Amino acid sequence: MSLATINTILNTAPIVIQGATRLIKLIRDQGKDSKPDEDIPETIDGIKNEIERLHQRLDMSTESNLEQLKLIEELARQNESLATQLKNTMTHLNRITMLSILALIVSIVCLGLFLS
């Protein structure tokens, strides 16, 4: 692994960790919101209140799901960036390796000509 790749990973690691931490927190908080079932309402007003409470929970759940999707998309973009950087680094490393092999072959040929 080259210095550029290591540097990229070290620079983006805190962002990835922060995103993953936020996602885990959202998932945990979503589980805490659910309360045990209450008694069945006996009046129309009670049913209306229960329906309103359910609508609020659905809205919160939808918002939480959207937030989780945004975090997942951000983590995917960061992973894509790291993969691109790694691919570029591997290409660069392969070019340097080929150049080194070529230089070694040329030096061996020159040394053979010099000694003969």
Protein backbone atom coordinates (compact mmCIF):
# COMPACT_ATOMS: atom_id res chain seq x y z
CA MET A 1 0.00 0.00 0.00
CA SER A 2 1.40 3.37 -0.91
CA LEU A 3 1.67 6.42 1.26
CA ALA A 4 -1.14 8.16 -0.67
CA THR A 5 -3.54 5.29 -0.04
CA ILE A 6 -2.69 5.10 3.64
CA ASN A 7 -3.06 8.87 3.89
CA THR A 8 -6.47 8.74 2.19
CA ILE A 9 -7.67 5.95 4.48
CA LEU A 10 -6.45 7.78 7.58
CA ASN A 11 -8.09 11.03 6.47
CA THR A 12 -11.47 9.46 5.71
CA ALA A 13 -11.59 6.91 8.53
CA PRO A 14 -12.99 9.38 11.11
CA ILE A 15 -15.79 10.34 8.70
CA VAL A 16 -16.66 6.70 8.06
CA ILE A 17 -16.59 5.93 11.78
CA GLN A 18 -18.74 8.97 12.54
CA GLY A 19 -21.31 7.94 9.91
CA ALA A 20 -21.43 4.37 11.18
CA THR A 21 -21.80 5.62 14.77
CA ARG A 22 -24.69 7.87 13.77
CA LEU A 23 -26.36 4.98 11.95
CA ILE A 24 -26.01 2.69 14.96
CA LYS A 25 -27.39 5.42 17.25
CA LEU A 26 -30.40 5.94 14.97
CA ILE A 27 -31.13 2.22 14.91
CA ARG A 28 -30.86 2.00 18.71
CA ASP A 29 -33.03 5.09 19.23
CA GLN A 30 -35.65 3.69 16.90
CA GLY A 31 -35.99 0.65 19.16
CA LYS A 32 -36.34 2.83 22.27
CA ASP A 33 -39.27 4.78 20.81
CA SER A 34 -41.56 1.78 20.81
CA LYS A 35 -43.63 1.64 23.99
CA PRO A 36 -45.62 -1.30 25.24
CA ASP A 37 -49.15 -1.46 23.93
CA GLU A 38 -51.58 0.61 25.91
CA ASP A 39 -55.16 -0.35 26.67
CA ILE A 40 -57.60 -0.23 23.81
CA PRO A 41 -59.37 3.15 23.80
CA GLU A 42 -63.01 2.99 24.78
CA THR A 43 -64.18 6.28 23.31
CA ILE A 44 -64.09 7.90 19.89
CA ASP A 45 -61.79 10.60 21.28
CA GLY A 46 -59.48 7.92 22.63
CA ILE A 47 -59.39 6.24 19.22
CA LYS A 48 -58.67 9.58 17.55
CA ASN A 49 -55.83 10.23 20.02
CA GLU A 50 -54.44 6.75 19.40
CA ILE A 51 -54.59 7.28 15.63
CA GLU A 52 -52.82 10.64 16.00
CA ARG A 53 -50.14 9.02 18.15
CA LEU A 54 -49.68 6.27 15.54
CA HIS A 55 -49.38 8.87 12.78
CA GLN A 56 -46.68 10.65 14.78
CA ARG A 57 -44.81 7.39 15.29
CA LEU A 58 -45.05 6.61 11.57
CA ASP A 59 -43.76 10.09 10.72
CA MET A 60 -40.84 9.66 13.14
CA SER A 61 -40.13 6.22 11.71
CA THR A 62 -40.18 7.58 8.17
CA GLU A 63 -37.82 10.41 9.12
CA SER A 64 -35.53 7.94 10.85
CA ASN A 65 -35.53 5.66 7.80
CA LEU A 66 -34.69 8.59 5.52
CA GLU A 67 -31.85 9.63 7.82
CA GLN A 68 -30.51 6.07 7.79
CA LEU A 69 -30.69 5.96 3.99
CA LYS A 70 -28.78 9.24 3.76
CA LEU A 71 -26.09 7.89 6.07
CA ILE A 72 -25.83 4.65 4.09
CA GLU A 73 -25.54 6.61 0.84
CA GLU A 74 -22.80 8.78 2.35
CA LEU A 75 -20.90 5.70 3.54
CA ALA A 76 -21.27 4.18 0.07
CA ARG A 77 -19.86 7.34 -1.54
CA GLN A 78 -16.92 7.27 0.88
CA ASN A 79 -16.31 3.59 0.14
CA GLU A 80 -16.42 4.32 -3.59
CA SER A 81 -13.89 7.10 -3.13
CA LEU A 82 -11.58 4.81 -1.18
CA ALA A 83 -11.93 2.09 -3.82
CA THR A 84 -11.10 4.55 -6.60
CA GLN A 85 -8.06 5.81 -4.71
CA LEU A 86 -6.92 2.24 -4.08
CA LYS A 87 -7.36 1.36 -7.77
CA ASN A 88 -5.31 4.41 -8.79
CA THR A 89 -2.62 3.49 -6.28
CA MET A 90 -2.48 -0.11 -7.54
CA THR A 91 -2.16 1.14 -11.13
CA HIS A 92 0.65 3.44 -10.07
CA LEU A 93 2.35 0.61 -8.16
CA ASN A 94 2.09 -1.71 -11.18
CA ARG A 95 3.69 0.94 -13.41
CA ILE A 96 6.54 1.44 -10.95
CA THR A 97 7.04 -2.34 -10.72
CA MET A 98 7.18 -2.69 -14.52
CA LEU A 99 9.60 0.22 -14.75
CA SER A 100 11.79 -1.37 -12.06
CA ILE A 101 11.81 -4.71 -13.88
CA LEU A 102 12.67 -2.98 -17.14
CA ALA A 103 15.50 -1.06 -15.44
CA LEU A 104 16.80 -4.32 -13.92
CA ILE A 105 16.79 -6.05 -17.32
CA VAL A 106 18.56 -3.12 -18.97
CA SER A 107 21.17 -3.03 -16.21
CA ILE A 108 21.81 -6.80 -16.51
CA VAL A 109 22.18 -6.51 -20.31
CA CYS A 110 24.55 -3.55 -19.92
CA LEU A 111 26.57 -5.38 -17.28
CA GLY A 112 26.76 -8.44 -19.56
CA LEU A 113 27.99 -6.27 -22.45
CA PHE A 114 30.49 -4.52 -20.19
CA LEU A 115 31.94 -7.78 -18.87
CA SER A 116 32.27 -9.46 -22.27
